[in-house]
Amino acid sequence: MANKPGTQARFVLFDVLYEDGSRRSNRKVPAELLGGLDGDMPARKEIEAQDNEIAKASGKSALPIASLERVGGKKR
């Protein structure tokens, strides 16, 4: 049976912890980038790219990411 339109998530949300201890919640990553053999690793690259765009616009440097965690995901 086919899925109903709109039932698949278009984005996956991540909480990002930066090396300075700050945290950003609910960062959106397109769902089609995730899964497969790489798992959530493409999310880090996507969020780093988003951070670089934000840093460029604000004139501040981007912070290094310490860890990512899916919102609603199981704790490891």
C-alpha atoms as a PDB file:
ATOM      1  CA  MET A   1       0.000   0.000   0.000  1.00  0.00           C
ATOM      2  CA  ALA A   2       1.293   3.466  -0.858  1.00  0.00           C
ATOM      3  CA  ASN A   3       1.919   6.087   1.803  1.00  0.00           C
ATOM      4  CA  LYS A   4      -0.521   8.946   2.117  1.00  0.00           C
ATOM      5  CA  PRO A   5       0.826  12.294   0.929  1.00  0.00           C
ATOM      6  CA  GLY A   6       2.337  14.290   3.746  1.00  0.00           C
ATOM      7  CA  THR A   7       2.884  11.342   6.095  1.00  0.00           C
ATOM      8  CA  GLN A   8       6.631  11.190   5.589  1.00  0.00           C
ATOM      9  CA  ALA A   9       8.759  13.702   7.432  1.00  0.00           C
ATOM     10  CA  ARG A  10      10.513  16.210   5.199  1.00  0.00           C
ATOM     11  CA  PHE A  11      12.899  17.307   7.929  1.00  0.00           C
ATOM     12  CA  VAL A  12      14.594  15.673  10.886  1.00  0.00           C
ATOM     13  CA  LEU A  13      15.262  17.844  13.917  1.00  0.00           C
ATOM     14  CA  PHE A  14      18.558  17.817  15.810  1.00  0.00           C
ATOM     15  CA  ASP A  15      19.809  19.355  19.037  1.00  0.00           C
ATOM     16  CA  VAL A  16      23.351  20.637  18.558  1.00  0.00           C
ATOM     17  CA  LEU A  17      25.871  20.943  21.383  1.00  0.00           C
ATOM     18  CA  TYR A  18      28.833  23.189  20.591  1.00  0.00           C
ATOM     19  CA  GLU A  19      32.334  22.911  22.055  1.00  0.00           C
ATOM     20  CA  ASP A  20      31.848  26.101  24.099  1.00  0.00           C
ATOM     21  CA  GLY A  21      28.924  24.434  25.900  1.00  0.00           C
ATOM     22  CA  SER A  22      26.138  26.292  24.106  1.00  0.00           C
ATOM     23  CA  ARG A  23      23.200  24.375  22.670  1.00  0.00           C
ATOM     24  CA  ARG A  24      20.852  25.005  19.755  1.00  0.00           C
ATOM     25  CA  SER A  25      17.622  23.057  19.573  1.00  0.00           C
ATOM     26  CA  ASN A  26      15.479  21.867  16.683  1.00  0.00           C
ATOM     27  CA  ARG A  27      17.923  22.432  13.836  1.00  0.00           C
ATOM     28  CA  LYS A  28      16.294  21.190  10.622  1.00  0.00           C
ATOM     29  CA  VAL A  29      18.018  18.759   8.257  1.00  0.00           C
ATOM     30  CA  PRO A  30      16.307  17.445   5.095  1.00  0.00           C
ATOM     31  CA  ALA A  31      15.264  13.825   5.682  1.00  0.00           C
ATOM     32  CA  GLU A  32      16.524  12.687   2.261  1.00  0.00           C
ATOM     33  CA  LEU A  33      20.119  13.395   3.349  1.00  0.00           C
ATOM     34  CA  LEU A  34      19.938  10.885   6.211  1.00  0.00           C
ATOM     35  CA  GLY A  35      19.899   7.126   6.455  1.00  0.00           C
ATOM     36  CA  GLY A  36      21.843   4.560   4.521  1.00  0.00           C
ATOM     37  CA  LEU A  37      25.326   3.539   5.570  1.00  0.00           C
ATOM     38  CA  ASP A  38      26.287   7.020   6.767  1.00  0.00           C
ATOM     39  CA  GLY A  39      23.390   7.270   9.237  1.00  0.00           C
ATOM     40  CA  ASP A  40      23.274  10.778  10.722  1.00  0.00           C
ATOM     41  CA  MET A  41      26.776  11.849   9.600  1.00  0.00           C
ATOM     42  CA  PRO A  42      25.409  13.950   6.694  1.00  0.00           C
ATOM     43  CA  ALA A  43      23.445  15.945   9.294  1.00  0.00           C
ATOM     44  CA  ARG A  44      26.690  17.260  10.778  1.00  0.00           C
ATOM     45  CA  LYS A  45      27.859  18.493   7.357  1.00  0.00           C
ATOM     46  CA  GLU A  46      24.485  20.130   6.672  1.00  0.00           C
ATOM     47  CA  ILE A  47      24.369  21.868  10.067  1.00  0.00           C
ATOM     48  CA  GLU A  48      27.982  23.021   9.676  1.00  0.00           C
ATOM     49  CA  ALA A  49      27.030  24.508   6.286  1.00  0.00           C
ATOM     50  CA  GLN A  50      24.045  26.255   7.889  1.00  0.00           C
ATOM     51  CA  ASP A  51      26.293  27.564  10.679  1.00  0.00           C
ATOM     52  CA  ASN A  52      28.783  28.896   8.125  1.00  0.00           C
ATOM     53  CA  GLU A  53      25.995  30.797   6.334  1.00  0.00           C
ATOM     54  CA  ILE A  54      24.783  32.239   9.636  1.00  0.00           C
ATOM     55  CA  ALA A  55      28.340  33.193  10.624  1.00  0.00           C
ATOM     56  CA  LYS A  56      28.904  34.846   7.259  1.00  0.00           C
ATOM     57  CA  ALA A  57      25.738  36.928   7.629  1.00  0.00           C
ATOM     58  CA  SER A  58      26.430  37.897  11.251  1.00  0.00           C
ATOM     59  CA  GLY A  59      30.138  38.547  10.884  1.00  0.00           C
ATOM     60  CA  LYS A  60      30.991  36.141  13.713  1.00  0.00           C
ATOM     61  CA  SER A  61      32.918  32.896  13.390  1.00  0.00           C
ATOM     62  CA  ALA A  62      31.084  29.571  13.411  1.00  0.00           C
ATOM     63  CA  LEU A  63      31.428  27.446  16.530  1.00  0.00           C
ATOM     64  CA  PRO A  64      32.793  23.883  16.318  1.00  0.00           C
ATOM     65  CA  ILE A  65      30.156  21.202  16.918  1.00  0.00           C
ATOM     66  CA  ALA A  66      30.799  18.846  19.837  1.00  0.00           C
ATOM     67  CA  SER A  67      27.798  16.529  19.321  1.00  0.00           C
ATOM     68  CA  LEU A  68      24.454  16.074  17.588  1.00  0.00           C
ATOM     69  CA  GLU A  69      21.370  14.345  18.917  1.00  0.00           C
ATOM     70  CA  ARG A  70      18.124  13.645  17.091  1.00  0.00           C
ATOM     71  CA  VAL A  71      15.135  15.250  18.730  1.00  0.00           C
ATOM     72  CA  GLY A  72      12.960  12.474  20.098  1.00  0.00           C
ATOM     73  CA  GLY A  73      15.687   9.923  19.435  1.00  0.00           C
ATOM     74  CA  LYS A  74      16.856   7.283  21.869  1.00  0.00           C
ATOM     75  CA  LYS A  75      19.745   8.157  24.154  1.00  0.00           C
ATOM     76  CA  ARG A  76      22.935   6.221  23.379  1.00  0.00           C
END
